[in-house]
Amino acid sequence: MLSAKRNTSIFFKTLLVLGFGYFFWLMLKITLEYIPYNPEVSFLMIKQTEVSERPEYLSFFYTHVYTSIFVLLSGFLAMLRKNFGFKNFHRNMGKVYIFLILIFAAPSGIYMGIFANGGLLSKISFVILGFLWWFLTLKAYQLARKKRFKEHKQWMWRSFAFTLSAVTLRMWKVIIVYLFHPNPMDVYQIIAWLGWIPNILIIEYLITKKLI
């Protein structure tokens, strides 16, 4: 029985790592589209009004894009809670994750949310997402400083649920477009909320059930 449970645990962990690896690669490919610096590529092609009228927009955009990929990776490695033979690896990954979110990724995300596609509903969602992402991460950091590590772990999972919105909103976009073929702006309004609300609800359920 114990052997079966252990094998099941190993299977799901392996599946988790492989799944994350796949989606991380997809996100990395998106990030690499913006290297080298080019204000007229991919997503920026539909943001030329902001690019031309707001000199700071590109700085915030590239800050968000370039830091978010490292946030995603460091967050996942921190969530694994393993040192992999390196002293304080888990702790250092957590520090990188928290620092990048609080100083770069979340603030730039909030700014970009103000100019999000999809109208007011999308803007509200992305701004809320940015503020909650920042707050949850700060709370996790404060709890770690107080050595309340059980609570720290839970708040880190909440933060990571918002980090994963970069992946899940794109998943929802593919599903919705494939099934319903809606207007592009309608898609933005829908995925702006679907990208993070189911994530945090799942994490809250797992915390309530003491599964994480």
N, C-alpha and C. Protein backbone atom coordinates (compact mmCIF):
# COMPACT_ATOMS: atom_id res chain seq x y z
N MET A 1 0.83 -1.21 0.00
CA MET A 1 0.00 0.00 0.00
C MET A 1 0.86 1.26 0.00
N LEU A 2 1.87 1.28 0.89
CA LEU A 2 2.77 2.43 0.95
C LEU A 2 3.53 2.60 -0.35
N SER A 3 3.92 1.47 -0.93
CA SER A 3 4.65 1.51 -2.20
C SER A 3 3.77 2.08 -3.31
N ALA A 4 2.50 1.70 -3.31
CA ALA A 4 1.57 2.19 -4.33
C ALA A 4 1.37 3.69 -4.19
N LYS A 5 1.22 4.16 -2.94
CA LYS A 5 1.06 5.60 -2.70
C LYS A 5 2.31 6.37 -3.13
N ARG A 6 3.46 5.78 -2.82
CA ARG A 6 4.72 6.43 -3.19
C ARG A 6 4.86 6.52 -4.71
N ASN A 7 4.51 5.44 -5.40
CA ASN A 7 4.59 5.44 -6.85
C ASN A 7 3.61 6.44 -7.47
N THR A 8 2.42 6.53 -6.86
CA THR A 8 1.42 7.50 -7.34
C THR A 8 1.93 8.92 -7.16
N SER A 9 2.54 9.17 -6.00
CA SER A 9 3.09 10.51 -5.72
C SER A 9 4.18 10.86 -6.72
N ILE A 10 5.06 9.90 -6.98
CA ILE A 10 6.15 10.13 -7.94
C ILE A 10 5.58 10.40 -9.33
N PHE A 11 4.54 9.64 -9.69
CA PHE A 11 3.91 9.81 -11.01
C PHE A 11 3.36 11.22 -11.18
N PHE A 12 2.61 11.69 -10.17
CA PHE A 12 2.00 13.01 -10.27
C PHE A 12 3.04 14.12 -10.23
N LYS A 13 4.10 13.93 -9.44
CA LYS A 13 5.17 14.92 -9.42
C LYS A 13 5.88 14.99 -10.77
N THR A 14 6.10 13.83 -11.36
CA THR A 14 6.73 13.79 -12.68
C THR A 14 5.84 14.46 -13.71
N LEU A 15 4.55 14.18 -13.63
CA LEU A 15 3.58 14.80 -14.54
C LEU A 15 3.58 16.32 -14.37
N LEU A 16 3.66 16.76 -13.11
CA LEU A 16 3.69 18.19 -12.81
C LEU A 16 4.91 18.86 -13.42
N VAL A 17 6.06 18.23 -13.24
CA VAL A 17 7.31 18.80 -13.77
C VAL A 17 7.28 18.85 -15.29
N LEU A 18 6.81 17.77 -15.92
CA LEU A 18 6.73 17.73 -17.38
C LEU A 18 5.74 18.76 -17.90
N GLY A 19 4.60 18.88 -17.22
CA GLY A 19 3.60 19.86 -17.63
C GLY A 19 4.13 21.27 -17.51
N PHE A 20 4.78 21.55 -16.39
CA PHE A 20 5.35 22.88 -16.23
C PHE A 20 6.43 23.14 -17.28
N GLY A 21 7.27 22.13 -17.52
CA GLY A 21 8.33 22.28 -18.51
C GLY A 21 7.79 22.64 -19.87
N TYR A 22 6.69 22.00 -20.25
CA TYR A 22 6.09 22.28 -21.56
C TYR A 22 5.59 23.72 -21.63
N PHE A 23 4.83 24.14 -20.62
CA PHE A 23 4.27 25.49 -20.65
C PHE A 23 5.34 26.56 -20.44
N PHE A 24 6.37 26.21 -19.69
CA PHE A 24 7.47 27.16 -19.53
C PHE A 24 8.17 27.37 -20.87
N TRP A 25 8.33 26.30 -21.63
CA TRP A 25 8.95 26.43 -22.95
C TRP A 25 8.10 27.32 -23.87
N LEU A 26 6.79 27.16 -23.81
CA LEU A 26 5.91 28.02 -24.60
C LEU A 26 6.06 29.49 -24.20
N MET A 27 6.13 29.74 -22.89
CA MET A 27 6.30 31.11 -22.41
C MET A 27 7.67 31.65 -22.79
N LEU A 28 8.67 30.80 -22.76
CA LEU A 28 10.02 31.23 -23.15
C LEU A 28 10.05 31.62 -24.62
N LYS A 29 9.35 30.86 -25.46
CA LYS A 29 9.29 31.19 -26.89
C LYS A 29 8.64 32.55 -27.10
N ILE A 30 7.61 32.84 -26.32
CA ILE A 30 6.96 34.15 -26.42
C ILE A 30 7.93 35.25 -26.00
N THR A 31 8.66 35.01 -24.92
CA THR A 31 9.64 35.99 -24.43
C THR A 31 10.72 36.25 -25.46
N LEU A 32 11.20 35.19 -26.10
CA LEU A 32 12.29 35.33 -27.07
C LEU A 32 11.88 36.12 -28.31
N GLU A 33 10.57 36.26 -28.53
CA GLU A 33 10.11 37.08 -29.65
C GLU A 33 10.51 38.54 -29.47
N TYR A 34 10.75 38.92 -28.22
CA TYR A 34 11.07 40.32 -27.91
C TYR A 34 12.57 40.54 -27.71
N ILE A 35 13.36 39.59 -28.17
CA ILE A 35 14.81 39.72 -28.16
C ILE A 35 15.32 39.54 -29.59
N PRO A 36 16.03 40.51 -30.16
CA PRO A 36 16.43 41.78 -29.53
C PRO A 36 15.25 42.76 -29.42
N TYR A 37 15.51 43.84 -28.75
CA TYR A 37 14.51 44.89 -28.53
C TYR A 37 13.94 45.35 -29.87
N ASN A 38 12.61 45.33 -29.95
CA ASN A 38 11.95 45.76 -31.17
C ASN A 38 10.54 46.24 -30.82
N PRO A 39 10.23 47.51 -31.03
CA PRO A 39 8.92 48.05 -30.66
C PRO A 39 7.81 47.70 -31.64
N GLU A 40 8.14 46.93 -32.68
CA GLU A 40 7.14 46.60 -33.69
C GLU A 40 7.12 45.10 -33.95
N VAL A 41 6.88 44.34 -32.89
CA VAL A 41 6.86 42.89 -33.03
C VAL A 41 5.75 42.30 -32.17
N SER A 42 5.12 41.24 -32.67
CA SER A 42 4.14 40.45 -31.93
C SER A 42 3.07 41.32 -31.27
N PHE A 43 2.87 41.17 -29.96
CA PHE A 43 1.82 41.88 -29.24
C PHE A 43 1.93 43.40 -29.39
N LEU A 44 3.14 43.90 -29.51
CA LEU A 44 3.34 45.35 -29.61
C LEU A 44 2.76 45.93 -30.89
N MET A 45 2.51 45.09 -31.87
CA MET A 45 1.94 45.58 -33.12
C MET A 45 0.53 46.15 -32.92
N ILE A 46 -0.18 45.64 -31.90
CA ILE A 46 -1.52 46.17 -31.64
C ILE A 46 -1.51 47.19 -30.50
N LYS A 47 -0.31 47.57 -30.06
CA LYS A 47 -0.19 48.57 -28.99
C LYS A 47 0.60 49.79 -29.48
N GLN A 48 0.53 50.06 -30.77
CA GLN A 48 1.33 51.15 -31.32
C GLN A 48 0.87 52.53 -30.82
N THR A 49 -0.39 52.65 -30.45
CA THR A 49 -0.86 53.92 -29.89
C THR A 49 -0.12 54.22 -28.59
N GLU A 50 -0.06 53.22 -27.71
CA GLU A 50 0.66 53.40 -26.44
C GLU A 50 2.15 53.59 -26.68
N VAL A 51 2.70 52.83 -27.61
CA VAL A 51 4.14 52.92 -27.91
C VAL A 51 4.51 54.31 -28.39
N SER A 52 3.67 54.88 -29.24
CA SER A 52 3.99 56.19 -29.83
C SER A 52 3.64 57.36 -28.92
N GLU A 53 2.60 57.20 -28.09
CA GLU A 53 2.14 58.32 -27.28
C GLU A 53 2.69 58.32 -25.86
N ARG A 54 3.17 57.18 -25.41
CA ARG A 54 3.67 57.09 -24.03
C ARG A 54 5.09 56.53 -24.04
N PRO A 55 6.07 57.39 -23.92
CA PRO A 55 7.48 56.96 -24.00
C PRO A 55 7.85 55.90 -22.96
N GLU A 56 7.16 55.92 -21.82
CA GLU A 56 7.50 54.97 -20.75
C GLU A 56 6.90 53.58 -20.98
N TYR A 57 5.96 53.47 -21.92
CA TYR A 57 5.24 52.20 -22.08
C TYR A 57 6.18 51.04 -22.38
N LEU A 58 7.09 51.24 -23.30
CA LEU A 58 8.00 50.15 -23.68
C LEU A 58 8.89 49.72 -22.52
N SER A 59 9.29 50.67 -21.70
CA SER A 59 10.13 50.33 -20.54
C SER A 59 9.36 49.42 -19.59
N PHE A 60 8.11 49.76 -19.31
CA PHE A 60 7.29 48.92 -18.45
C PHE A 60 7.00 47.57 -19.10
N PHE A 61 6.72 47.60 -20.39
CA PHE A 61 6.41 46.37 -21.11
C PHE A 61 7.58 45.39 -21.06
N TYR A 62 8.76 45.87 -21.44
CA TYR A 62 9.92 44.98 -21.48
C TYR A 62 10.36 44.56 -20.08
N THR A 63 10.19 45.43 -19.11
CA THR A 63 10.47 45.04 -17.72
C THR A 63 9.59 43.86 -17.32
N HIS A 64 8.32 43.96 -17.68
CA HIS A 64 7.38 42.89 -17.33
C HIS A 64 7.70 41.59 -18.06
N VAL A 65 7.96 41.70 -19.34
CA VAL A 65 8.24 40.50 -20.15
C VAL A 65 9.52 39.82 -19.71
N TYR A 66 10.58 40.59 -19.54
CA TYR A 66 11.88 40.01 -19.24
C TYR A 66 11.97 39.44 -17.82
N THR A 67 11.26 40.05 -16.87
CA THR A 67 11.33 39.53 -15.50
C THR A 67 10.35 38.39 -15.26
N SER A 68 9.22 38.41 -15.95
CA SER A 68 8.18 37.42 -15.67
C SER A 68 8.62 36.00 -15.97
N ILE A 69 9.45 35.81 -16.98
CA ILE A 69 9.90 34.46 -17.29
C ILE A 69 10.77 33.91 -16.16
N PHE A 70 11.56 34.77 -15.53
CA PHE A 70 12.38 34.35 -14.40
C PHE A 70 11.53 34.17 -13.14
N VAL A 71 10.48 34.96 -13.02
CA VAL A 71 9.53 34.79 -11.92
C VAL A 71 8.88 33.42 -12.01
N LEU A 72 8.46 33.05 -13.20
CA LEU A 72 7.80 31.77 -13.41
C LEU A 72 8.72 30.61 -13.04
N LEU A 73 9.97 30.68 -13.49
CA LEU A 73 10.92 29.60 -13.23
C LEU A 73 11.32 29.54 -11.75
N SER A 74 11.69 30.68 -11.19
CA SER A 74 12.12 30.69 -9.78
C SER A 74 10.97 30.32 -8.86
N GLY A 75 9.76 30.74 -9.22
CA GLY A 75 8.60 30.39 -8.41
C GLY A 75 8.35 28.89 -8.40
N PHE A 76 8.44 28.28 -9.56
CA PHE A 76 8.23 26.83 -9.64
C PHE A 76 9.29 26.07 -8.84
N LEU A 77 10.54 26.48 -9.00
CA LEU A 77 11.63 25.82 -8.27
C LEU A 77 11.48 26.01 -6.76
N ALA A 78 11.00 27.18 -6.36
CA ALA A 78 10.78 27.42 -4.93
C ALA A 78 9.63 26.56 -4.41
N MET A 79 8.58 26.40 -5.23
CA MET A 79 7.43 25.61 -4.81
C MET A 79 7.78 24.13 -4.63
N LEU A 80 8.80 23.66 -5.33
CA LEU A 80 9.22 22.27 -5.18
C LEU A 80 9.82 21.99 -3.81
N ARG A 81 10.30 23.06 -3.14
CA ARG A 81 10.83 22.98 -1.78
C ARG A 81 11.96 21.96 -1.67
N LYS A 82 12.85 21.96 -2.65
CA LYS A 82 14.02 21.08 -2.62
C LYS A 82 15.27 21.91 -2.89
N ASN A 83 16.40 21.43 -2.37
CA ASN A 83 17.66 22.15 -2.56
C ASN A 83 18.50 21.59 -3.71
N PHE A 84 18.15 20.39 -4.18
CA PHE A 84 18.84 19.77 -5.32
C PHE A 84 20.36 19.72 -5.12
N GLY A 85 20.77 19.52 -3.89
CA GLY A 85 22.19 19.40 -3.60
C GLY A 85 22.92 20.72 -3.42
N PHE A 86 22.20 21.83 -3.58
CA PHE A 86 22.81 23.15 -3.41
C PHE A 86 22.33 23.76 -2.10
N LYS A 87 23.24 24.29 -1.34
CA LYS A 87 22.90 24.88 -0.05
C LYS A 87 21.96 26.07 -0.24
N ASN A 88 20.85 26.05 0.50
CA ASN A 88 19.88 27.15 0.50
C ASN A 88 19.27 27.44 -0.88
N PHE A 89 19.23 26.42 -1.75
CA PHE A 89 18.69 26.63 -3.10
C PHE A 89 17.23 27.07 -3.04
N HIS A 90 16.43 26.36 -2.25
CA HIS A 90 15.00 26.70 -2.12
C HIS A 90 14.84 28.13 -1.61
N ARG A 91 15.59 28.46 -0.59
CA ARG A 91 15.49 29.80 0.00
C ARG A 91 15.91 30.88 -1.00
N ASN A 92 16.97 30.63 -1.73
CA ASN A 92 17.46 31.63 -2.69
C ASN A 92 16.50 31.81 -3.86
N MET A 93 15.90 30.70 -4.32
CA MET A 93 14.91 30.81 -5.38
C MET A 93 13.70 31.62 -4.91
N GLY A 94 13.32 31.40 -3.66
CA GLY A 94 12.22 32.17 -3.09
C GLY A 94 12.54 33.65 -3.03
N LYS A 95 13.78 33.97 -2.68
CA LYS A 95 14.20 35.37 -2.62
C LYS A 95 14.16 36.02 -4.00
N VAL A 96 14.65 35.29 -5.00
CA VAL A 96 14.62 35.81 -6.38
C VAL A 96 13.19 36.05 -6.81
N TYR A 97 12.34 35.07 -6.55
CA TYR A 97 10.92 35.15 -6.92
C TYR A 97 10.26 36.37 -6.30
N ILE A 98 10.42 36.52 -5.00
CA ILE A 98 9.78 37.63 -4.28
C ILE A 98 10.33 38.98 -4.73
N PHE A 99 11.64 39.07 -4.86
CA PHE A 99 12.27 40.33 -5.27
C PHE A 99 11.78 40.77 -6.64
N LEU A 100 11.77 39.85 -7.59
CA LEU A 100 11.38 40.21 -8.96
C LEU A 100 9.92 40.65 -9.03
N ILE A 101 9.06 40.00 -8.27
CA ILE A 101 7.64 40.38 -8.29
C ILE A 101 7.43 41.74 -7.65
N LEU A 102 7.97 41.92 -6.45
CA LEU A 102 7.70 43.15 -5.70
C LEU A 102 8.30 44.38 -6.36
N ILE A 103 9.46 44.23 -6.96
CA ILE A 103 10.17 45.40 -7.51
C ILE A 103 9.89 45.62 -8.99
N PHE A 104 9.72 44.55 -9.74
CA PHE A 104 9.62 44.69 -11.19
C PHE A 104 8.31 44.17 -11.80
N ALA A 105 8.05 42.88 -11.65
CA ALA A 105 6.98 42.24 -12.43
C ALA A 105 5.59 42.76 -12.09
N ALA A 106 5.25 42.82 -10.80
CA ALA A 106 3.91 43.28 -10.42
C ALA A 106 3.68 44.76 -10.71
N PRO A 107 4.61 45.66 -10.32
CA PRO A 107 4.39 47.08 -10.65
C PRO A 107 4.25 47.33 -12.15
N SER A 108 5.10 46.69 -12.95
CA SER A 108 5.00 46.88 -14.40
C SER A 108 3.71 46.26 -14.94
N GLY A 109 3.27 45.17 -14.32
CA GLY A 109 2.02 44.54 -14.72
C GLY A 109 0.82 45.43 -14.43
N ILE A 110 0.85 46.11 -13.29
CA ILE A 110 -0.22 47.04 -12.94
C ILE A 110 -0.30 48.17 -13.97
N TYR A 111 0.87 48.70 -14.31
CA TYR A 111 0.91 49.78 -15.32
C TYR A 111 0.33 49.29 -16.64
N MET A 112 0.76 48.12 -17.09
CA MET A 112 0.27 47.59 -18.35
C MET A 112 -1.23 47.30 -18.30
N GLY A 113 -1.71 46.91 -17.12
CA GLY A 113 -3.13 46.64 -16.97
C GLY A 113 -3.99 47.85 -17.26
N ILE A 114 -3.47 49.01 -16.97
CA ILE A 114 -4.21 50.26 -17.22
C ILE A 114 -4.49 50.43 -18.71
N PHE A 115 -3.63 49.86 -19.54
CA PHE A 115 -3.77 49.99 -21.00
C PHE A 115 -4.12 48.67 -21.67
N ALA A 116 -4.71 47.75 -20.90
CA ALA A 116 -5.02 46.43 -21.43
C ALA A 116 -6.08 46.50 -22.53
N ASN A 117 -6.00 45.56 -23.46
CA ASN A 117 -7.02 45.43 -24.49
C ASN A 117 -8.31 44.89 -23.87
N GLY A 118 -9.43 45.18 -24.52
CA GLY A 118 -10.70 44.62 -24.06
C GLY A 118 -11.57 45.58 -23.27
N GLY A 119 -11.15 46.83 -23.18
CA GLY A 119 -11.99 47.82 -22.51
C GLY A 119 -11.86 47.82 -21.00
N LEU A 120 -12.82 48.47 -20.35
CA LEU A 120 -12.75 48.72 -18.91
C LEU A 120 -12.72 47.43 -18.10
N LEU A 121 -13.51 46.43 -18.49
CA LEU A 121 -13.55 45.18 -17.73
C LEU A 121 -12.18 44.51 -17.68
N SER A 122 -11.50 44.49 -18.81
CA SER A 122 -10.16 43.90 -18.85
C SER A 122 -9.17 44.70 -18.01
N LYS A 123 -9.25 46.01 -18.13
CA LYS A 123 -8.34 46.88 -17.38
C LYS A 123 -8.50 46.65 -15.88
N ILE A 124 -9.76 46.62 -15.42
CA ILE A 124 -10.02 46.41 -14.00
C ILE A 124 -9.43 45.08 -13.53
N SER A 125 -9.65 44.03 -14.32
CA SER A 125 -9.17 42.71 -13.94
C SER A 125 -7.65 42.67 -13.83
N PHE A 126 -6.96 43.20 -14.84
CA PHE A 126 -5.50 43.12 -14.83
C PHE A 126 -4.88 44.00 -13.74
N VAL A 127 -5.52 45.12 -13.44
CA VAL A 127 -5.01 45.97 -12.35
C VAL A 127 -5.22 45.27 -11.00
N ILE A 128 -6.40 44.68 -10.81
CA ILE A 128 -6.65 43.92 -9.58
C ILE A 128 -5.65 42.77 -9.46
N LEU A 129 -5.45 42.07 -10.57
CA LEU A 129 -4.48 40.97 -10.60
C LEU A 129 -3.10 41.45 -10.15
N GLY A 130 -2.66 42.57 -10.68
CA GLY A 130 -1.34 43.09 -10.33
C GLY A 130 -1.21 43.44 -8.86
N PHE A 131 -2.23 44.12 -8.33
CA PHE A 131 -2.18 44.52 -6.92
C PHE A 131 -2.24 43.30 -6.00
N LEU A 132 -3.12 42.34 -6.31
CA LEU A 132 -3.21 41.14 -5.48
C LEU A 132 -1.93 40.32 -5.55
N TRP A 133 -1.37 40.23 -6.73
CA TRP A 133 -0.10 39.50 -6.91
C TRP A 133 0.99 40.10 -6.03
N TRP A 134 1.06 41.43 -6.03
CA TRP A 134 2.06 42.13 -5.22
C TRP A 134 1.79 41.91 -3.73
N PHE A 135 0.53 42.06 -3.33
CA PHE A 135 0.19 41.94 -1.92
C PHE A 135 0.43 40.52 -1.39
N LEU A 136 -0.01 39.51 -2.13
CA LEU A 136 0.15 38.12 -1.69
C LEU A 136 1.62 37.76 -1.55
N THR A 137 2.42 38.26 -2.47
CA THR A 137 3.86 37.99 -2.42
C THR A 137 4.51 38.69 -1.23
N LEU A 138 4.10 39.93 -0.99
CA LEU A 138 4.62 40.66 0.17
C LEU A 138 4.24 39.94 1.46
N LYS A 139 3.01 39.46 1.55
CA LYS A 139 2.56 38.74 2.74
C LYS A 139 3.39 37.48 2.96
N ALA A 140 3.67 36.76 1.88
CA ALA A 140 4.51 35.56 1.98
C ALA A 140 5.90 35.91 2.51
N TYR A 141 6.44 37.01 2.02
CA TYR A 141 7.76 37.46 2.46
C TYR A 141 7.75 37.82 3.95
N GLN A 142 6.73 38.55 4.37
CA GLN A 142 6.64 38.96 5.78
C GLN A 142 6.53 37.75 6.70
N LEU A 143 5.77 36.75 6.30
CA LEU A 143 5.62 35.55 7.12
C LEU A 143 6.92 34.76 7.20
N ALA A 144 7.68 34.74 6.12
CA ALA A 144 8.97 34.06 6.14
C ALA A 144 9.92 34.77 7.10
N ARG A 145 9.89 36.10 7.08
CA ARG A 145 10.73 36.88 7.99
C ARG A 145 10.39 36.59 9.45
N LYS A 146 9.12 36.30 9.70
CA LYS A 146 8.67 36.00 11.07
C LYS A 146 8.82 34.51 11.41
N LYS A 147 9.36 33.74 10.44
CA LYS A 147 9.57 32.30 10.60
C LYS A 147 8.26 31.53 10.80
N ARG A 148 7.20 32.05 10.25
CA ARG A 148 5.91 31.36 10.27
C ARG A 148 5.78 30.62 8.94
N PHE A 149 6.56 29.55 8.83
CA PHE A 149 6.79 28.93 7.53
C PHE A 149 5.58 28.18 6.97
N LYS A 150 4.73 27.66 7.83
CA LYS A 150 3.53 26.98 7.33
C LYS A 150 2.62 27.98 6.61
N GLU A 151 2.41 29.13 7.24
CA GLU A 151 1.60 30.18 6.61
C GLU A 151 2.32 30.77 5.40
N HIS A 152 3.62 30.90 5.52
CA HIS A 152 4.42 31.40 4.40
C HIS A 152 4.22 30.53 3.16
N LYS A 153 4.24 29.22 3.36
CA LYS A 153 4.05 28.29 2.25
C LYS A 153 2.69 28.50 1.59
N GLN A 154 1.65 28.68 2.39
CA GLN A 154 0.30 28.87 1.85
C GLN A 154 0.20 30.17 1.04
N TRP A 155 0.81 31.23 1.55
CA TRP A 155 0.75 32.50 0.84
C TRP A 155 1.62 32.50 -0.42
N MET A 156 2.68 31.72 -0.38
CA MET A 156 3.49 31.56 -1.59
C MET A 156 2.69 30.84 -2.67
N TRP A 157 1.91 29.85 -2.27
CA TRP A 157 1.06 29.16 -3.24
C TRP A 157 0.01 30.11 -3.82
N ARG A 158 -0.52 30.97 -2.97
CA ARG A 158 -1.48 31.97 -3.46
C ARG A 158 -0.81 32.89 -4.48
N SER A 159 0.38 33.33 -4.14
CA SER A 159 1.13 34.19 -5.06
C SER A 159 1.40 33.46 -6.37
N PHE A 160 1.81 32.20 -6.28
CA PHE A 160 2.15 31.44 -7.48
C PHE A 160 0.91 31.18 -8.35
N ALA A 161 -0.26 31.12 -7.72
CA ALA A 161 -1.49 30.98 -8.49
C ALA A 161 -1.66 32.17 -9.43
N PHE A 162 -1.28 33.35 -8.95
CA PHE A 162 -1.36 34.55 -9.79
C PHE A 162 -0.23 34.57 -10.82
N THR A 163 0.92 34.06 -10.44
CA THR A 163 2.03 33.96 -11.40
C THR A 163 1.62 33.09 -12.58
N LEU A 164 0.93 31.99 -12.29
CA LEU A 164 0.52 31.06 -13.34
C LEU A 164 -0.56 31.63 -14.25
N SER A 165 -1.12 32.78 -13.89
CA SER A 165 -2.14 33.39 -14.76
C SER A 165 -1.57 33.69 -16.14
N ALA A 166 -0.26 33.92 -16.22
CA ALA A 166 0.37 34.15 -17.52
C ALA A 166 0.20 32.94 -18.43
N VAL A 167 0.17 31.76 -17.82
CA VAL A 167 -0.01 30.52 -18.57
C VAL A 167 -1.49 30.23 -18.78
N THR A 168 -2.26 30.31 -17.70
CA THR A 168 -3.66 29.88 -17.78
C THR A 168 -4.52 30.79 -18.66
N LEU A 169 -4.22 32.08 -18.69
CA LEU A 169 -5.03 32.95 -19.55
C LEU A 169 -4.82 32.59 -21.02
N ARG A 170 -3.61 32.16 -21.36
CA ARG A 170 -3.34 31.74 -22.74
C ARG A 170 -4.00 30.40 -23.04
N MET A 171 -4.05 29.53 -22.05
CA MET A 171 -4.76 28.26 -22.22
C MET A 171 -6.25 28.51 -22.47
N TRP A 172 -6.83 29.38 -21.66
CA TRP A 172 -8.25 29.70 -21.83
C TRP A 172 -8.51 30.36 -23.17
N LYS A 173 -7.58 31.19 -23.61
CA LYS A 173 -7.74 31.86 -24.90
C LYS A 173 -7.84 30.84 -26.03
N VAL A 174 -6.95 29.85 -26.02
CA VAL A 174 -6.97 28.81 -27.05
C VAL A 174 -8.29 28.04 -27.01
N ILE A 175 -8.72 27.68 -25.81
CA ILE A 175 -9.96 26.90 -25.66
C ILE A 175 -11.17 27.69 -26.14
N ILE A 176 -11.27 28.94 -25.70
CA ILE A 176 -12.44 29.76 -26.03
C ILE A 176 -12.50 30.06 -27.53
N VAL A 177 -11.36 30.42 -28.10
CA VAL A 177 -11.33 30.72 -29.54
C VAL A 177 -11.68 29.48 -30.36
N TYR A 178 -11.15 28.33 -29.94
CA TYR A 178 -11.41 27.08 -30.67
C TYR A 178 -12.88 26.68 -30.61
N LEU A 179 -13.50 26.87 -29.43
CA LEU A 179 -14.88 26.40 -29.25
C LEU A 179 -15.93 27.40 -29.72
N PHE A 180 -15.66 28.70 -29.52
CA PHE A 180 -16.73 29.68 -29.71
C PHE A 180 -16.44 30.75 -30.77
N HIS A 181 -15.20 30.92 -31.18
CA HIS A 181 -14.83 31.92 -32.20
C HIS A 181 -15.38 33.32 -31.90
N PRO A 182 -15.18 33.82 -30.69
CA PRO A 182 -15.74 35.13 -30.35
C PRO A 182 -14.92 36.28 -30.94
N ASN A 183 -15.47 37.48 -30.80
CA ASN A 183 -14.74 38.69 -31.19
C ASN A 183 -13.47 38.81 -30.35
N PRO A 184 -12.34 39.19 -30.96
CA PRO A 184 -11.07 39.27 -30.21
C PRO A 184 -11.14 40.09 -28.93
N MET A 185 -11.85 41.22 -28.96
CA MET A 185 -11.94 42.05 -27.76
C MET A 185 -12.77 41.36 -26.67
N ASP A 186 -13.76 40.58 -27.09
CA ASP A 186 -14.55 39.81 -26.11
C ASP A 186 -13.68 38.75 -25.44
N VAL A 187 -12.78 38.18 -26.22
CA VAL A 187 -11.86 37.18 -25.67
C VAL A 187 -11.02 37.79 -24.56
N TYR A 188 -10.49 38.98 -24.80
CA TYR A 188 -9.67 39.65 -23.79
C TYR A 188 -10.46 39.87 -22.50
N GLN A 189 -11.71 40.28 -22.63
CA GLN A 189 -12.53 40.52 -21.44
C GLN A 189 -12.75 39.25 -20.64
N ILE A 190 -12.90 38.14 -21.34
CA ILE A 190 -13.16 36.86 -20.66
C ILE A 190 -11.90 36.32 -20.00
N ILE A 191 -10.82 36.24 -20.78
CA ILE A 191 -9.60 35.62 -20.24
C ILE A 191 -8.93 36.50 -19.19
N ALA A 192 -9.22 37.80 -19.21
CA ALA A 192 -8.67 38.68 -18.18
C ALA A 192 -9.07 38.21 -16.79
N TRP A 193 -10.28 37.65 -16.68
CA TRP A 193 -10.78 37.16 -15.40
C TRP A 193 -10.53 35.66 -15.22
N LEU A 194 -10.73 34.90 -16.31
CA LEU A 194 -10.51 33.45 -16.22
C LEU A 194 -9.04 33.11 -15.97
N GLY A 195 -8.15 34.02 -16.33
CA GLY A 195 -6.73 33.75 -16.18
C GLY A 195 -6.30 33.57 -14.73
N TRP A 196 -7.02 34.22 -13.79
CA TRP A 196 -6.56 34.13 -12.40
C TRP A 196 -7.61 33.69 -11.38
N ILE A 197 -8.88 33.92 -11.63
CA ILE A 197 -9.89 33.56 -10.62
C ILE A 197 -9.95 32.05 -10.37
N PRO A 198 -10.03 31.19 -11.41
CA PRO A 198 -10.01 29.75 -11.12
C PRO A 198 -8.74 29.31 -10.40
N ASN A 199 -7.62 29.92 -10.74
CA ASN A 199 -6.35 29.56 -10.10
C ASN A 199 -6.41 29.74 -8.58
N ILE A 200 -6.85 30.92 -8.16
CA ILE A 200 -6.85 31.20 -6.72
C ILE A 200 -7.93 30.39 -6.00
N LEU A 201 -9.03 30.11 -6.68
CA LEU A 201 -10.07 29.28 -6.08
C LEU A 201 -9.57 27.85 -5.84
N ILE A 202 -8.82 27.33 -6.80
CA ILE A 202 -8.25 25.99 -6.65
C ILE A 202 -7.26 25.96 -5.48
N ILE A 203 -6.41 26.97 -5.40
CA ILE A 203 -5.42 27.01 -4.32
C ILE A 203 -6.12 27.13 -2.96
N GLU A 204 -7.15 27.97 -2.88
CA GLU A 204 -7.88 28.11 -1.62
C GLU A 204 -8.53 26.79 -1.22
N TYR A 205 -9.04 26.06 -2.19
CA TYR A 205 -9.63 24.75 -1.90
C TYR A 205 -8.57 23.80 -1.36
N LEU A 206 -7.41 23.77 -2.00
CA LEU A 206 -6.34 22.88 -1.56
C LEU A 206 -5.83 23.25 -0.17
N ILE A 207 -5.77 24.55 0.12
CA ILE A 207 -5.35 24.99 1.45
C ILE A 207 -6.39 24.60 2.49
N THR A 208 -7.65 24.81 2.15
CA THR A 208 -8.74 24.45 3.08
C THR A 208 -8.73 22.96 3.40
N LYS A 209 -8.45 22.16 2.39
CA LYS A 209 -8.41 20.70 2.57
C LYS A 209 -7.07 20.22 3.12
N LYS A 210 -6.18 21.18 3.39
CA LYS A 210 -4.85 20.89 3.94
C LYS A 210 -4.03 19.97 3.03
N LEU A 211 -4.21 20.17 1.73
CA LEU A 211 -3.47 19.38 0.76
C LEU A 211 -2.16 20.07 0.36
N ILE A 212 -2.05 21.35 0.68
CA ILE A 212 -0.79 22.07 0.48
C ILE A 212 -0.54 22.96 1.70
